[in-house]
Amino acid sequence: MDLNNIYGDYLVKRRVTMMLQFVYKGDYTLAVQLYHNHALLWP
């Protein structure tokens, strides 16, 4: 069991969940910005 893998998977799911919440509210630009910021912070 690789903890790094599990944690990375969790971050990806959390990132996607956050993005979907913003998209659901209709704030597409914020969702895209958030996704790119997180992608830079967590490669």
PDB file of N, CA and C in Angstrom:
ATOM      1  N   MET A   1       0.850  -1.200   0.000  1.00  0.00           N
ATOM      2  CA  MET A   1       0.000   0.000   0.000  1.00  0.00           C
ATOM      3  C   MET A   1       0.883   1.247   0.000  1.00  0.00           C
ATOM      4  N   ASP A   2       0.751   2.058  -1.025  1.00  0.00           N
ATOM      5  CA  ASP A   2       1.594   3.245  -1.154  1.00  0.00           C
ATOM      6  C   ASP A   2       0.824   4.475  -0.688  1.00  0.00           C
ATOM      7  N   LEU A   3       1.254   5.043   0.426  1.00  0.00           N
ATOM      8  CA  LEU A   3       0.562   6.201   0.995  1.00  0.00           C
ATOM      9  C   LEU A   3       0.588   7.392   0.053  1.00  0.00           C
ATOM     10  N   ASN A   4       1.709   7.588  -0.631  1.00  0.00           N
ATOM     11  CA  ASN A   4       1.801   8.706  -1.569  1.00  0.00           C
ATOM     12  C   ASN A   4       0.751   8.582  -2.664  1.00  0.00           C
ATOM     13  N   ASN A   5       0.560   7.366  -3.138  1.00  0.00           N
ATOM     14  CA  ASN A   5      -0.430   7.125  -4.176  1.00  0.00           C
ATOM     15  C   ASN A   5      -1.830   7.449  -3.681  1.00  0.00           C
ATOM     16  N   ILE A   6      -2.142   6.981  -2.478  1.00  0.00           N
ATOM     17  CA  ILE A   6      -3.466   7.193  -1.899  1.00  0.00           C
ATOM     18  C   ILE A   6      -3.707   8.685  -1.681  1.00  0.00           C
ATOM     19  N   TYR A   7      -2.707   9.369  -1.140  1.00  0.00           N
ATOM     20  CA  TYR A   7      -2.849  10.803  -0.887  1.00  0.00           C
ATOM     21  C   TYR A   7      -2.998  11.567  -2.197  1.00  0.00           C
ATOM     22  N   GLY A   8      -2.215  11.189  -3.196  1.00  0.00           N
ATOM     23  CA  GLY A   8      -2.312  11.838  -4.500  1.00  0.00           C
ATOM     24  C   GLY A   8      -3.687  11.633  -5.108  1.00  0.00           C
ATOM     25  N   ASP A   9      -4.216  10.434  -4.979  1.00  0.00           N
ATOM     26  CA  ASP A   9      -5.540  10.111  -5.486  1.00  0.00           C
ATOM     27  C   ASP A   9      -6.582  10.966  -4.782  1.00  0.00           C
ATOM     28  N   TYR A  10      -6.413  11.134  -3.463  1.00  0.00           N
ATOM     29  CA  TYR A  10      -7.338  11.938  -2.674  1.00  0.00           C
ATOM     30  C   TYR A  10      -7.318  13.388  -3.142  1.00  0.00           C
ATOM     31  N   LEU A  11      -6.127  13.920  -3.396  1.00  0.00           N
ATOM     32  CA  LEU A  11      -5.999  15.311  -3.847  1.00  0.00           C
ATOM     33  C   LEU A  11      -6.682  15.505  -5.195  1.00  0.00           C
ATOM     34  N   VAL A  12      -6.504  14.537  -6.089  1.00  0.00           N
ATOM     35  CA  VAL A  12      -7.125  14.638  -7.410  1.00  0.00           C
ATOM     36  C   VAL A  12      -8.639  14.639  -7.272  1.00  0.00           C
ATOM     37  N   LYS A  13      -9.167  13.736  -6.457  1.00  0.00           N
ATOM     38  CA  LYS A  13     -10.618  13.666  -6.269  1.00  0.00           C
ATOM     39  C   LYS A  13     -11.142  14.956  -5.657  1.00  0.00           C
ATOM     40  N   ARG A  14     -10.387  15.494  -4.687  1.00  0.00           N
ATOM     41  CA  ARG A  14     -10.818  16.711  -4.011  1.00  0.00           C
ATOM     42  C   ARG A  14     -10.806  17.886  -4.990  1.00  0.00           C
ATOM     43  N   ARG A  15      -9.766  17.924  -5.824  1.00  0.00           N
ATOM     44  CA  ARG A  15      -9.638  18.995  -6.811  1.00  0.00           C
ATOM     45  C   ARG A  15     -10.816  18.952  -7.779  1.00  0.00           C
ATOM     46  N   VAL A  16     -11.129  17.744  -8.263  1.00  0.00           N
ATOM     47  CA  VAL A  16     -12.228  17.577  -9.213  1.00  0.00           C
ATOM     48  C   VAL A  16     -13.551  17.937  -8.553  1.00  0.00           C
ATOM     49  N   THR A  17     -13.737  17.526  -7.304  1.00  0.00           N
ATOM     50  CA  THR A  17     -14.973  17.835  -6.580  1.00  0.00           C
ATOM     51  C   THR A  17     -15.152  19.336  -6.437  1.00  0.00           C
ATOM     52  N   MET A  18     -14.080  20.034  -6.038  1.00  0.00           N
ATOM     53  CA  MET A  18     -14.141  21.486  -5.892  1.00  0.00           C
ATOM     54  C   MET A  18     -14.488  22.140  -7.218  1.00  0.00           C
ATOM     55  N   MET A  19     -13.846  21.651  -8.284  1.00  0.00           N
ATOM     56  CA  MET A  19     -14.076  22.215  -9.607  1.00  0.00           C
ATOM     57  C   MET A  19     -15.534  22.025 -10.019  1.00  0.00           C
ATOM     58  N   LEU A  20     -16.064  20.834  -9.780  1.00  0.00           N
ATOM     59  CA  LEU A  20     -17.446  20.547 -10.157  1.00  0.00           C
ATOM     60  C   LEU A  20     -18.413  21.427  -9.380  1.00  0.00           C
ATOM     61  N   GLN A  21     -18.108  21.706  -8.111  1.00  0.00           N
ATOM     62  CA  GLN A  21     -18.968  22.569  -7.308  1.00  0.00           C
ATOM     63  C   GLN A  21     -19.040  23.960  -7.922  1.00  0.00           C
ATOM     64  N   PHE A  22     -17.888  24.492  -8.357  1.00  0.00           N
ATOM     65  CA  PHE A  22     -17.872  25.820  -8.967  1.00  0.00           C
ATOM     66  C   PHE A  22     -18.601  25.808 -10.306  1.00  0.00           C
ATOM     67  N   VAL A  23     -18.391  24.742 -11.085  1.00  0.00           N
ATOM     68  CA  VAL A  23     -19.057  24.634 -12.384  1.00  0.00           C
ATOM     69  C   VAL A  23     -20.567  24.568 -12.173  1.00  0.00           C
ATOM     70  N   TYR A  24     -20.997  23.848 -11.148  1.00  0.00           N
ATOM     71  CA  TYR A  24     -22.416  23.702 -10.850  1.00  0.00           C
ATOM     72  C   TYR A  24     -23.036  25.056 -10.517  1.00  0.00           C
ATOM     73  N   LYS A  25     -22.251  25.900  -9.830  1.00  0.00           N
ATOM     74  CA  LYS A  25     -22.733  27.238  -9.486  1.00  0.00           C
ATOM     75  C   LYS A  25     -22.643  28.185 -10.677  1.00  0.00           C
ATOM     76  N   GLY A  26     -22.015  27.726 -11.762  1.00  0.00           N
ATOM     77  CA  GLY A  26     -21.936  28.537 -12.965  1.00  0.00           C
ATOM     78  C   GLY A  26     -20.695  29.408 -13.030  1.00  0.00           C
ATOM     79  N   ASP A  27     -19.740  29.179 -12.116  1.00  0.00           N
ATOM     80  CA  ASP A  27     -18.524  29.992 -12.103  1.00  0.00           C
ATOM     81  C   ASP A  27     -17.401  29.241 -12.817  1.00  0.00           C
ATOM     82  N   TYR A  28     -17.517  29.173 -14.138  1.00  0.00           N
ATOM     83  CA  TYR A  28     -16.563  28.377 -14.917  1.00  0.00           C
ATOM     84  C   TYR A  28     -15.145  28.934 -14.835  1.00  0.00           C
ATOM     85  N   THR A  29     -15.011  30.267 -14.893  1.00  0.00           N
ATOM     86  CA  THR A  29     -13.672  30.865 -14.908  1.00  0.00           C
ATOM     87  C   THR A  29     -12.937  30.543 -13.621  1.00  0.00           C
ATOM     88  N   LEU A  30     -13.623  30.632 -12.492  1.00  0.00           N
ATOM     89  CA  LEU A  30     -12.992  30.334 -11.204  1.00  0.00           C
ATOM     90  C   LEU A  30     -12.594  28.858 -11.148  1.00  0.00           C
ATOM     91  N   ALA A  31     -13.452  28.007 -11.663  1.00  0.00           N
ATOM     92  CA  ALA A  31     -13.158  26.573 -11.667  1.00  0.00           C
ATOM     93  C   ALA A  31     -11.900  26.290 -12.486  1.00  0.00           C
ATOM     94  N   VAL A  32     -11.794  26.909 -13.645  1.00  0.00           N
ATOM     95  CA  VAL A  32     -10.625  26.686 -14.506  1.00  0.00           C
ATOM     96  C   VAL A  32      -9.371  27.233 -13.842  1.00  0.00           C
ATOM     97  N   GLN A  33      -9.469  28.425 -13.250  1.00  0.00           N
ATOM     98  CA  GLN A  33      -8.326  29.025 -12.551  1.00  0.00           C
ATOM     99  C   GLN A  33      -7.877  28.126 -11.413  1.00  0.00           C
ATOM    100  N   LEU A  34      -8.830  27.667 -10.608  1.00  0.00           N
ATOM    101  CA  LEU A  34      -8.517  26.795  -9.479  1.00  0.00           C
ATOM    102  C   LEU A  34      -7.812  25.540  -9.965  1.00  0.00           C
ATOM    103  N   TYR A  35      -8.346  24.952 -11.035  1.00  0.00           N
ATOM    104  CA  TYR A  35      -7.762  23.713 -11.536  1.00  0.00           C
ATOM    105  C   TYR A  35      -6.316  23.939 -11.963  1.00  0.00           C
ATOM    106  N   HIS A  36      -6.069  25.040 -12.676  1.00  0.00           N
ATOM    107  CA  HIS A  36      -4.710  25.306 -13.143  1.00  0.00           C
ATOM    108  C   HIS A  36      -3.782  25.632 -11.983  1.00  0.00           C
ATOM    109  N   ASN A  37      -4.266  26.400 -11.006  1.00  0.00           N
ATOM    110  CA  ASN A  37      -3.446  26.718  -9.835  1.00  0.00           C
ATOM    111  C   ASN A  37      -3.059  25.444  -9.096  1.00  0.00           C
ATOM    112  N   HIS A  38      -4.027  24.566  -8.876  1.00  0.00           N
ATOM    113  CA  HIS A  38      -3.752  23.334  -8.149  1.00  0.00           C
ATOM    114  C   HIS A  38      -2.853  22.413  -8.962  1.00  0.00           C
ATOM    115  N   ALA A  39      -3.042  22.430 -10.272  1.00  0.00           N
ATOM    116  CA  ALA A  39      -2.202  21.594 -11.133  1.00  0.00           C
ATOM    117  C   ALA A  39      -0.747  22.054 -11.027  1.00  0.00           C
ATOM    118  N   LEU A  40      -0.546  23.366 -10.864  1.00  0.00           N
ATOM    119  CA  LEU A  40       0.818  23.885 -10.720  1.00  0.00           C
ATOM    120  C   LEU A  40       1.382  23.545  -9.347  1.00  0.00           C
ATOM    121  N   LEU A  41       0.541  23.643  -8.317  1.00  0.00           N
ATOM    122  CA  LEU A  41       0.999  23.383  -6.953  1.00  0.00           C
ATOM    123  C   LEU A  41       1.237  21.896  -6.723  1.00  0.00           C
ATOM    124  N   TRP A  42       0.341  21.079  -7.259  1.00  0.00           N
ATOM    125  CA  TRP A  42       0.443  19.624  -7.054  1.00  0.00           C
ATOM    126  C   TRP A  42       0.569  18.931  -8.403  1.00  0.00           C
ATOM    127  N   PRO A  43       1.776  18.836  -8.919  1.00  0.00           N
ATOM    128  CA  PRO A  43       1.959  18.228 -10.242  1.00  0.00           C
ATOM    129  C   PRO A  43       1.514  16.756 -10.263  1.00  0.00           C
TER     130      PRO A  43
END
